[in-house]
C-alpha cells in the first residue's frame, strides 16, 4: 500500500514540510516518484522508522562518533 506525503508524515509523527525537506536531504524514508506524485510504501516507512530506534543518547554511527570527537577537541 502506498501513501502520499501527508499520510506518510502523519504515520511518522512529523509534518509534511519536514518530510519534504528530509526527502531533499536524503534523511527521510525511501520514496517513489510517479509522474509528479511522491509516494511512500507503508513497509518502507515503517522500516525506516524502525531504523531510528535508539537505546541511549549517544547511540550513533561512526560518522557521528567522528563529529563528536572533533567537537570535543575544539571545545578544549
C-alpha atoms as a PDB file:
ATOM      1  CA  UNK A   1       0.000   0.000   0.000  1.00  0.00           C
ATOM      2  CA  UNK A   2       1.286   3.451  -0.905  1.00  0.00           C
ATOM      3  CA  UNK A   3       0.771   6.773   0.870  1.00  0.00           C
ATOM      4  CA  UNK A   4       1.179  10.358  -0.205  1.00  0.00           C
ATOM      5  CA  UNK A   5       3.437  12.773   1.682  1.00  0.00           C
ATOM      6  CA  UNK A   6       0.688  13.935   4.064  1.00  0.00           C
ATOM      7  CA  UNK A   7      -0.194  10.406   5.190  1.00  0.00           C
ATOM      8  CA  UNK A   8       3.428   9.273   5.421  1.00  0.00           C
ATOM      9  CA  UNK A   9       4.272  12.316   7.544  1.00  0.00           C
ATOM     10  CA  UNK A  10       1.336  11.611   9.852  1.00  0.00           C
ATOM     11  CA  UNK A  11       2.460   7.980  10.168  1.00  0.00           C
ATOM     12  CA  UNK A  12       5.899   9.035  11.464  1.00  0.00           C
ATOM     13  CA  UNK A  13       4.590  11.916  13.566  1.00  0.00           C
ATOM     14  CA  UNK A  14       6.154  14.699  11.516  1.00  0.00           C
ATOM     15  CA  UNK A  15       4.803  17.465   9.304  1.00  0.00           C
ATOM     16  CA  UNK A  16       4.604  17.185   5.538  1.00  0.00           C
ATOM     17  CA  UNK A  17       7.092  20.050   5.251  1.00  0.00           C
ATOM     18  CA  UNK A  18       9.578  18.132   7.433  1.00  0.00           C
ATOM     19  CA  UNK A  19       9.181  15.086   5.193  1.00  0.00           C
ATOM     20  CA  UNK A  20       9.604  17.213   2.053  1.00  0.00           C
ATOM     21  CA  UNK A  21      12.844  18.621   3.468  1.00  0.00           C
ATOM     22  CA  UNK A  22      14.037  15.159   4.554  1.00  0.00           C
ATOM     23  CA  UNK A  23      13.419  13.923   1.019  1.00  0.00           C
ATOM     24  CA  UNK A  24      15.595  16.739  -0.341  1.00  0.00           C
ATOM     25  CA  UNK A  25      18.459  15.965   2.044  1.00  0.00           C
ATOM     26  CA  UNK A  26      18.169  12.184   1.853  1.00  0.00           C
ATOM     27  CA  UNK A  27      17.334  11.889   5.567  1.00  0.00           C
ATOM     28  CA  UNK A  28      13.808  10.563   5.135  1.00  0.00           C
ATOM     29  CA  UNK A  29      12.305   7.225   4.231  1.00  0.00           C
ATOM     30  CA  UNK A  30      12.616   5.819   0.703  1.00  0.00           C
ATOM     31  CA  UNK A  31      10.028   7.088  -1.755  1.00  0.00           C
ATOM     32  CA  UNK A  32       8.910   6.622  -5.314  1.00  0.00           C
ATOM     33  CA  UNK A  33       8.253   9.322  -7.859  1.00  0.00           C
ATOM     34  CA  UNK A  34       5.468   8.542 -10.306  1.00  0.00           C
ATOM     35  CA  UNK A  35       4.996  11.449 -12.661  1.00  0.00           C
ATOM     36  CA  UNK A  36       4.607  14.409 -10.328  1.00  0.00           C
ATOM     37  CA  UNK A  37       3.429  12.299  -7.400  1.00  0.00           C
ATOM     38  CA  UNK A  38       5.649  11.307  -4.488  1.00  0.00           C
ATOM     39  CA  UNK A  39       4.608   8.008  -2.948  1.00  0.00           C
ATOM     40  CA  UNK A  40       5.811   6.176   0.142  1.00  0.00           C
ATOM     41  CA  UNK A  41       5.273   2.461   0.627  1.00  0.00           C
ATOM     42  CA  UNK A  42       3.966   1.653   4.111  1.00  0.00           C
ATOM     43  CA  UNK A  43       6.598  -1.040   4.687  1.00  0.00           C
ATOM     44  CA  UNK A  44       9.424   1.307   3.621  1.00  0.00           C
ATOM     45  CA  UNK A  45       8.225   3.990   6.028  1.00  0.00           C
ATOM     46  CA  UNK A  46       7.840   1.509   8.884  1.00  0.00           C
ATOM     47  CA  UNK A  47      11.276   0.006   8.199  1.00  0.00           C
ATOM     48  CA  UNK A  48      12.863   3.476   8.092  1.00  0.00           C
ATOM     49  CA  UNK A  49      11.157   4.446  11.345  1.00  0.00           C
ATOM     50  CA  UNK A  50      12.312   1.213  12.986  1.00  0.00           C
ATOM     51  CA  UNK A  51      15.887   2.012  11.908  1.00  0.00           C
ATOM     52  CA  UNK A  52      15.693   5.183  14.008  1.00  0.00           C
ATOM     53  CA  UNK A  53      15.300   3.230  17.262  1.00  0.00           C
ATOM     54  CA  UNK A  54      17.902   4.185  19.851  1.00  0.00           C
ATOM     55  CA  UNK A  55      18.747   2.640  23.186  1.00  0.00           C
ATOM     56  CA  UNK A  56      20.731   5.537  24.633  1.00  0.00           C
ATOM     57  CA  UNK A  57      21.510   9.170  23.921  1.00  0.00           C
ATOM     58  CA  UNK A  58      24.895   8.531  22.316  1.00  0.00           C
ATOM     59  CA  UNK A  59      23.877   5.604  20.107  1.00  0.00           C
ATOM     60  CA  UNK A  60      25.287   6.749  16.780  1.00  0.00           C
ATOM     61  CA  UNK A  61      27.291   5.517  13.830  1.00  0.00           C
ATOM     62  CA  UNK A  62      30.986   6.056  13.090  1.00  0.00           C
ATOM     63  CA  UNK A  63      30.465   9.369  11.257  1.00  0.00           C
ATOM     64  CA  UNK A  64      28.640  10.827  14.230  1.00  0.00           C
ATOM     65  CA  UNK A  65      31.325   9.494  16.535  1.00  0.00           C
ATOM     66  CA  UNK A  66      33.997  11.317  14.494  1.00  0.00           C
ATOM     67  CA  UNK A  67      31.962  14.530  14.574  1.00  0.00           C
ATOM     68  CA  UNK A  68      31.531  14.284  18.344  1.00  0.00           C
ATOM     69  CA  UNK A  69      35.269  13.766  18.783  1.00  0.00           C
ATOM     70  CA  UNK A  70      36.038  16.815  16.640  1.00  0.00           C
ATOM     71  CA  UNK A  71      33.588  18.944  18.646  1.00  0.00           C
ATOM     72  CA  UNK A  72      35.097  17.799  21.921  1.00  0.00           C
ATOM     73  CA  UNK A  73      38.618  18.620  20.693  1.00  0.00           C
ATOM     74  CA  UNK A  74      37.526  22.063  19.563  1.00  0.00           C
ATOM     75  CA  UNK A  75      35.894  22.721  22.931  1.00  0.00           C
ATOM     76  CA  UNK A  76      39.198  22.001  24.591  1.00  0.00           C
END
